[in-house]
Protein backbone atom coordinates (compact mmCIF):
# COMPACT_ATOMS: atom_id res chain seq x y z
CA MET A 1 -0.06 0.00 -0.06
CA LYS A 2 1.50 3.19 -0.99
CA GLU A 3 2.30 5.75 1.89
CA GLY A 4 -0.85 7.76 3.55
CA GLN A 5 -3.30 5.79 1.37
CA ILE A 6 -6.76 6.48 2.52
CA SER A 7 -10.74 5.43 1.38
CA PHE A 8 -13.00 7.55 -0.35
CA ARG A 9 -15.13 7.32 2.92
CA GLN A 10 -12.26 8.52 5.18
CA LEU A 11 -11.99 11.80 2.64
CA ALA A 12 -15.84 11.81 2.66
CA VAL A 13 -15.79 12.19 6.73
CA CYS A 14 -12.80 14.99 6.62
CA ALA A 15 -14.79 16.87 4.26
CA ALA A 16 -17.73 16.43 6.42
CA VAL A 17 -15.44 17.70 9.38
CA LEU A 18 -14.16 20.76 7.41
CA THR A 19 -17.79 22.73 7.09
CA LEU A 20 -18.24 23.10 10.87
CA SER A 21 -15.30 25.64 11.58
CA PRO A 22 -17.06 27.94 8.72
CA ALA A 23 -20.34 27.14 9.27
CA SER A 24 -20.25 28.25 12.61
CA ARG A 25 -18.52 31.33 11.99
CA LEU A 26 -20.77 32.80 8.78
CA LEU A 27 -23.87 30.64 9.33
CA PRO A 28 -27.10 31.47 10.10
CA LYS A 29 -26.08 35.64 10.10
CA ALA A 30 -24.87 35.78 6.71
CA ALA A 31 -28.14 33.45 4.97
CA LEU A 32 -30.25 35.62 7.43
CA GLU A 33 -29.06 38.58 5.90
CA LEU A 34 -29.34 37.46 2.60
CA GLY A 35 -32.80 35.18 2.58
CA GLY A 36 -34.59 36.63 5.89
CA ARG A 37 -36.57 34.91 8.43
CA ALA A 38 -37.13 31.92 6.08
CA CYS A 39 -33.32 31.35 4.95
CA TRP A 40 -33.66 27.63 6.76
CA ALA A 41 -35.38 27.38 3.23
CA ALA A 42 -32.00 27.85 1.36
CA VAL A 43 -30.76 24.58 2.36
CA LEU A 44 -32.69 23.10 -0.49
CA PRO A 45 -31.27 25.01 -3.74
CA ALA A 46 -27.91 24.69 -1.70
CA ALA A 47 -28.24 21.41 -2.06
CA GLY A 48 -29.45 21.10 -5.33
CA LEU A 49 -25.81 23.39 -6.41
CA LEU A 50 -23.46 21.24 -4.11
CA LEU A 51 -24.69 17.84 -6.02
CA LEU A 52 -23.91 19.33 -9.04
CA MET A 53 -20.29 20.78 -7.88
CA LEU A 54 -19.27 17.09 -6.29
CA LEU A 55 -20.86 15.51 -9.88
CA THR A 56 -18.48 17.83 -11.57
CA VAL A 57 -15.49 17.77 -9.39
CA ARG A 58 -16.00 13.99 -9.60
CA ALA A 59 -16.38 13.70 -13.16
CA LEU A 60 -13.42 15.55 -13.53
CA LEU A 61 -10.65 13.87 -11.50
CA GLN A 62 -12.05 10.55 -13.21
CA GLY A 63 -9.20 9.25 -15.42
CA CYS A 64 -7.06 11.11 -12.83
CA PRO A 65 -4.86 9.03 -10.43
CA GLY A 66 -2.66 12.01 -9.61
CA GLY A 67 -5.86 13.91 -8.43
CA LEU A 68 -6.41 17.54 -8.87
CA PHE A 69 -2.88 18.76 -10.50
CA GLN A 70 -3.40 16.22 -12.87
CA ALA A 71 -6.66 17.52 -14.13
CA LEU A 72 -5.38 21.02 -14.22
CA GLU A 73 -2.45 19.53 -16.19
CA GLU A 74 -4.91 17.77 -18.35
CA ALA A 75 -7.36 20.67 -18.95
CA LEU A 76 -4.72 23.70 -18.81
CA GLY A 77 -1.62 21.89 -20.54
CA ARG A 78 1.63 21.67 -18.10
CA ILE A 79 2.19 25.18 -18.05
CA GLY A 80 -1.22 26.38 -17.76
CA GLY A 81 -1.85 23.45 -15.08
CA ARG A 82 0.95 23.91 -13.09
CA VAL A 83 0.29 28.36 -12.76
CA ALA A 84 -3.02 27.50 -11.44
CA ALA A 85 -1.74 24.40 -9.55
CA GLY A 86 0.27 27.54 -7.84
CA LEU A 87 -2.07 29.98 -8.31
CA LEU A 88 -4.72 27.67 -5.62
CA GLY A 89 -1.70 26.75 -3.30
CA LEU A 90 -0.70 30.60 -2.79
CA TRP A 91 -5.01 31.29 -2.30
CA LEU A 92 -4.94 28.37 0.15
CA SER A 93 -2.04 29.35 2.29
CA PHE A 94 -3.46 32.87 2.33
CA TYR A 95 -6.87 31.18 3.24
CA CYS A 96 -5.55 29.28 6.19
CA GLY A 97 -3.89 32.57 7.19
CA PHE A 98 -7.45 33.94 7.27
CA ILE A 99 -8.76 31.02 8.98
CA LEU A 100 -5.90 31.21 11.61
CA ARG A 101 -6.58 34.96 11.93
CA SER A 102 -10.38 34.61 12.31
CA GLY A 103 -10.12 31.85 14.78
CA ALA A 104 -7.92 33.43 17.29
CA GLU A 105 -10.34 36.65 17.20
CA ARG A 106 -13.00 34.57 17.61
CA LEU A 107 -11.67 32.67 20.95
CA LEU A 108 -11.04 36.52 22.07
CA SER A 109 -14.22 38.29 21.57
CA THR A 110 -16.22 35.79 22.88
CA VAL A 111 -14.23 33.96 25.64
CA TYR A 112 -10.81 35.20 26.46
CA GLU A 113 -11.46 38.75 25.99
CA SER A 114 -8.18 39.27 28.20
CA GLY A 115 -5.90 37.33 26.41
CA SER A 116 -2.83 37.98 23.78
CA LEU A 117 -4.12 37.81 19.87
CA TRP A 118 -0.23 37.03 19.27
CA PHE A 119 -0.23 34.50 21.37
CA PHE A 120 -3.61 32.22 19.87
CA LEU A 121 -1.97 32.75 16.71
CA LEU A 122 1.59 31.06 17.15
CA SER A 123 -0.36 28.35 19.19
CA MET A 124 -2.91 27.09 17.01
CA ALA A 125 0.06 27.75 13.88
CA ALA A 126 1.74 25.31 15.80
CA VAL A 127 -0.63 22.99 16.50
CA ALA A 128 -1.98 22.96 12.64
CA LEU A 129 1.33 22.13 11.77
CA VAL A 130 0.95 18.41 13.26
CA PRO A 131 -1.54 17.02 10.74
CA ALA A 132 -0.46 18.53 7.45
CA LEU A 133 3.19 17.28 8.29
CA SER A 134 2.39 13.81 9.56
CA ARG A 135 1.26 11.08 7.01
CA VAL A 136 -1.73 11.98 4.70
CA ALA A 137 -3.71 8.50 6.76
CA THR A 138 -2.41 9.78 9.80
CA ALA A 139 -3.95 13.34 9.42
CA VAL A 140 -7.28 11.95 7.80
CA ARG A 141 -8.01 9.70 10.57
CA MET A 142 -7.39 12.89 12.99
CA ALA A 143 -10.21 14.04 11.19
CA GLU A 144 -12.24 10.87 11.93
CA LEU A 145 -11.42 11.23 15.30
CA CYS A 146 -13.25 14.81 15.58
CA ALA A 147 -15.98 13.57 14.07
CA LEU A 148 -16.51 10.65 16.50
CA LEU A 149 -15.77 13.49 19.26
CA LEU A 150 -18.21 16.52 17.79
CA ALA A 151 -21.16 14.72 17.06
CA PRO A 152 -22.39 13.42 20.42
CA VAL A 153 -21.41 16.83 21.34
CA LEU A 154 -23.88 18.62 18.91
CA LEU A 155 -26.28 15.99 18.96
CA LEU A 156 -26.63 17.31 22.66
CA LEU A 157 -26.87 20.97 21.89
CA PHE A 158 -29.41 20.72 19.49
CA ALA A 159 -31.61 18.43 21.38
CA PHE A 160 -32.00 20.79 24.29
CA ALA A 161 -32.40 23.68 21.49
CA LEU A 162 -34.89 22.50 19.13
CA PRO A 163 -37.93 22.64 22.19
CA GLU A 164 -36.53 26.41 22.39
CA VAL A 165 -37.55 27.63 19.19
CA ASN A 166 -40.13 29.86 18.16
CA VAL A 167 -42.18 28.90 15.42
CA ASP A 168 -43.31 32.16 14.82
CA TYR A 169 -39.48 33.48 14.24
CA LEU A 170 -39.31 30.84 11.50
CA LEU A 171 -42.79 31.68 8.96
CA PRO A 172 -44.03 32.13 6.93
CA LEU A 173 -42.50 31.31 3.76
CA ASN A 174 -43.24 34.28 1.54
CA PRO A 175 -43.27 33.33 -2.49
CA LEU A 176 -41.74 36.22 -3.33
CA ASP A 177 -38.68 35.47 -1.34
CA ALA A 178 -37.28 32.95 -3.49
CA GLY A 179 -35.06 35.40 -4.71
CA GLY A 180 -33.65 36.11 -1.62
CA LEU A 181 -33.71 32.32 -0.81
CA ALA A 182 -31.73 31.90 -4.21
CA ALA A 183 -29.16 34.15 -2.51
CA ALA A 184 -29.21 32.99 0.98
CA ALA A 185 -28.16 29.26 -0.59
CA LEU A 186 -24.54 30.49 -1.77
CA PRO A 187 -23.29 31.45 1.80
CA ILE A 188 -24.32 27.53 2.87
CA THR A 189 -22.85 26.44 -0.72
CA ASN A 190 -19.38 28.35 0.14
CA VAL A 191 -19.40 26.63 3.74
CA CYS A 192 -19.31 23.29 1.68
CA SER A 193 -17.24 24.21 -1.49
CA LEU A 194 -13.85 23.69 0.21
CA TRP A 195 -14.04 20.49 0.00
CA VAL A 196 -13.39 20.72 -3.77
CA TYR A 197 -9.66 21.62 -2.41
CA LEU A 198 -9.34 18.12 -1.07
CA GLY A 199 -8.87 17.28 -5.01
CA PHE A 200 -5.32 17.60 -3.95
CA LEU A 201 -5.16 14.23 -2.29
CA GLY A 202 -7.31 12.50 -4.81
CA LYS A 203 -3.88 10.41 -5.15
CA TYR A 204 -4.04 8.97 -2.24
CA VAL A 205 -7.16 7.62 -2.88
CA LYS A 206 -7.64 3.67 -3.05
CA PRO A 207 -9.07 2.95 -6.78
CA GLY A 208 -12.46 1.09 -6.05
CA GLY A 209 -15.13 2.25 -3.75
CA ASN A 210 -19.03 3.76 -4.56
CA VAL A 211 -17.54 6.93 -4.88
CA LYS A 212 -21.02 9.22 -5.79
CA LYS A 213 -22.66 6.47 -2.61
CA HIS A 214 -19.92 8.24 -0.01
CA ALA A 215 -20.65 11.76 -1.93
CA LEU A 216 -24.10 11.90 -1.30
CA ARG A 217 -23.64 10.64 2.52
CA CYS A 218 -21.51 13.49 3.29
CA LEU A 219 -24.33 16.00 1.83
CA ALA A 220 -26.94 13.92 3.94
CA PHE A 221 -24.64 14.38 6.97
CA VAL A 222 -23.57 17.86 6.06
CA LEU A 223 -27.17 19.61 5.27
CA PRO A 224 -29.29 18.72 8.21
CA GLY A 225 -26.77 19.84 10.51
CA VAL A 226 -26.34 23.20 8.29
CA LEU A 227 -30.41 23.45 8.97
CA LEU A 228 -30.55 22.64 12.22
CA ALA A 229 -28.21 25.35 12.80
CA ILE A 230 -29.92 28.00 11.14
CA VAL A 231 -33.40 26.41 12.45
CA THR A 232 -32.50 26.99 15.91
CA THR A 233 -30.22 30.08 15.83
CA VAL A 234 -33.05 31.75 13.80
CA GLY A 235 -35.94 29.93 16.16
CA ILE A 236 -34.35 31.21 19.45
CA LEU A 237 -32.44 34.84 19.10
CA GLY A 238 -35.20 35.77 16.82
CA PRO A 239 -34.17 37.47 12.98
CA GLU A 240 -33.47 41.01 14.30
CA SER A 241 -31.30 39.64 17.25
CA ALA A 242 -29.37 37.13 15.19
CA LYS A 243 -28.56 39.66 12.97
CA ARG A 244 -26.90 42.27 15.55
CA GLN A 245 -24.73 39.04 16.72
CA GLN A 246 -21.07 38.87 15.54
CA TYR A 247 -21.42 35.01 16.17
CA PRO A 248 -25.34 34.21 17.10
CA PHE A 249 -24.74 30.92 16.79
CA PHE A 250 -22.15 30.84 19.49
CA VAL A 251 -25.09 32.74 21.67
CA MET A 252 -27.70 31.12 21.43
CA ILE A 253 -25.85 27.87 22.89
CA SER A 254 -24.60 29.47 25.18
CA ASN A 255 -27.84 30.43 26.74
CA LEU A 256 -29.23 26.63 26.53
CA LYS A 257 -29.35 24.61 29.93
CA LEU A 258 -28.74 21.46 29.97
CA PHE A 259 -30.60 19.87 32.48
CA ASN A 260 -30.98 22.98 34.75
CA VAL A 261 -27.59 21.98 35.65
CA LEU A 262 -24.96 23.25 33.71
CA GLN A 263 -26.32 26.54 32.87
CA ARG A 264 -22.93 28.00 30.39
CA VAL A 265 -22.07 25.38 27.56
CA GLU A 266 -19.02 27.77 26.39
CA PRO A 267 -16.89 24.53 26.77
CA LEU A 268 -18.33 22.49 24.64
CA ILE A 269 -18.72 25.61 22.47
CA VAL A 270 -14.81 25.99 22.46
CA LEU A 271 -14.47 22.24 21.80
CA VAL A 272 -16.17 22.28 18.69
CA TRP A 273 -14.46 25.23 17.39
CA VAL A 274 -11.06 24.65 18.50
CA LEU A 275 -11.15 20.84 17.36
CA ALA A 276 -12.88 22.10 14.03
CA ASP A 277 -10.49 24.99 13.05
CA PHE A 278 -7.68 22.47 13.29
CA ALA A 279 -8.95 19.91 11.43
CA LEU A 280 -9.82 23.03 8.55
CA LEU A 281 -6.35 24.11 8.78
CA GLY A 282 -4.28 20.78 8.73
CA ALA A 283 -6.35 19.77 6.20
CA LEU A 284 -5.71 22.95 3.83
CA LEU A 285 -2.05 22.86 4.79
CA LEU A 286 -2.33 19.43 3.28
CA SER A 287 -3.42 20.36 -0.03
CA ALA A 288 -1.70 23.57 -0.27
CA ALA A 289 1.51 21.32 0.33
CA GLU A 290 0.23 18.72 -1.98
CA ALA A 291 -0.10 21.19 -4.89
CA PHE A 292 3.21 22.58 -4.69
CA ARG A 293 5.02 19.29 -3.71
CA ASP A 294 3.78 18.60 -7.32
CA LEU A 295 4.65 21.60 -8.94
CA ALA A 296 8.53 21.13 -7.58
CA GLY A 297 8.26 17.60 -8.34
CA LEU A 298 9.50 17.11 -4.29
CA GLN A 299 9.85 13.45 -2.72
CA SER A 300 8.82 14.70 0.86
CA ARG A 301 6.18 17.05 1.94
CA ARG A 302 8.06 18.73 4.56
CA VAL A 303 9.68 21.63 2.97
CA PRO A 304 5.94 22.66 1.07
CA VAL A 305 4.62 22.03 4.34
CA LEU A 306 7.01 24.55 6.16
CA LEU A 307 7.01 27.10 4.00
CA CYS A 308 3.21 26.66 3.41
CA GLY A 309 3.03 27.09 7.05
CA ALA A 310 5.28 30.27 7.38
CA ALA A 311 2.99 31.75 4.79
CA MET A 312 -0.05 31.05 6.72
CA THR A 313 1.60 32.61 10.13
CA ALA A 314 2.65 35.54 8.12
CA ALA A 315 -0.74 36.18 6.75
CA SER A 316 -2.64 35.75 9.42
CA PHE A 317 -0.50 38.70 11.49
CA LEU A 318 -0.10 40.59 8.57
CA LEU A 319 -4.34 40.43 7.56
CA ALA A 320 -7.05 42.78 8.75
CA PRO A 321 -5.53 45.67 11.12
CA ASN A 322 -9.04 46.00 12.64
CA ALA A 323 -12.22 44.58 12.74
CA PHE A 324 -14.09 46.45 10.21
CA ALA A 325 -11.45 44.64 7.82
CA LEU A 326 -11.96 41.09 9.12
CA GLU A 327 -15.49 41.26 8.37
CA TRP A 328 -14.69 42.95 5.15
CA LEU A 329 -13.13 39.64 4.50
CA SER A 330 -15.17 37.51 5.83
CA ASP A 331 -18.33 38.48 4.11
CA ARG A 332 -17.38 38.94 0.65
CA LEU A 333 -13.87 38.83 -0.53
CA VAL A 334 -13.14 34.90 0.78
CA PRO A 335 -16.69 33.58 -0.15
CA ILE A 336 -16.74 35.46 -3.56
CA VAL A 337 -13.10 34.04 -4.17
CA ASN A 338 -13.90 30.38 -3.05
CA LEU A 339 -17.34 30.38 -4.87
CA SER A 340 -15.30 31.52 -8.21
CA LEU A 341 -12.18 28.51 -7.65
CA THR A 342 -15.32 25.58 -6.40
CA LEU A 343 -18.12 26.20 -8.58
CA PRO A 344 -17.50 27.94 -12.18
CA LEU A 345 -13.51 26.60 -12.19
CA PRO A 346 -14.16 22.94 -12.31
CA ALA A 347 -17.33 23.22 -15.11
CA LEU A 348 -14.60 24.91 -16.91
CA LEU A 349 -11.91 22.35 -16.20
CA LEU A 350 -14.17 19.80 -17.07
CA ALA A 351 -15.67 21.10 -20.54
CA ILE A 352 -12.00 21.92 -21.78
CA LYS A 353 -10.94 18.13 -20.61
CA LYS A 354 -14.14 16.73 -22.77
CA ILE A 355 -13.38 18.79 -25.55
CA LYS A 356 -9.85 17.77 -25.80
CA ALA A 357 -10.59 14.32 -25.52
CA ARG A 358 -13.11 14.36 -28.62
CA ARG A 359 -10.93 16.60 -30.69
CA LYS A 360 -8.22 13.51 -29.67
CA GLN A 361 -10.91 10.72 -30.45
CA GLY A 362 -11.11 12.81 -33.81
CA ASN A 363 -7.79 12.92 -34.71
CA ASP A 364 -6.73 9.17 -34.12
CA ARG A 365 -9.88 8.09 -36.68
């Protein structure tokens, strides 16, 4: 067996865990601002967009044992594919810096208000390097372990949150709000769009297995979780109150009472956030390092990981000198770039790949 070889099921579990960090940070506020109180219904159009994305990426990577890097070269040529892989690697390094900075800011603004930003940045960066420097199989198993730890915590929290939901905050559904619901589907899609970047790890996936089944299971696991997060947050806080909060999901859960005994559940939320952030950073750093490793033709991943980690840390220090700049990055730049790279780009690459294949068949005749 190759070093770090994994099954597609493991990769799908890893992809599901990656959604927890951006979902808790962005949703439901982003969806609420675009779709209003009925933004929970935007999960349906988001499901259609995500299914289209998964099928497109699956078709793009089919017949590419080298993963996304090989798919880029086949579609754009050797030079164009390498340039695209390098740009994606740079974006992932920058995005990791953004995640690192926003994660540290989130902990400071909600839990450790007297803490040091620089301490959190350096500590989280050091821990995030651990899975990225490990074997791929080890890193993915860490994500699976996170899933086993986080799933019961989230189920417990949702079980106690649902009875507190006020249905009047969620209804009625107005057919005239269809445009808003379509727009609200975009931040939900953005939360799950990070799965595309894991294509750089495709060369480590063992052949065989039902790829489509596991992808659909991943989707069926994530979207109900997103739906529950939106329904409980908006249904408990109310639309207007949720809009005013920086992290409404945290505010909603922090006010829950478990068995009338545990009245402050911040430790549980910190557990969810920290583990989800580390899983996300580790997977994206690993993907960025694989892009540069293939680009340079290196045998070891250590140097690309360290360089990407240094770029991530530098970006986290230099990004967003104030809260308004960080909010602009979170609400505007990052979602736009992510959606541009994960929705139209795979479709364009697949179209180019198919055109080239048809031309080659025509020339062979």
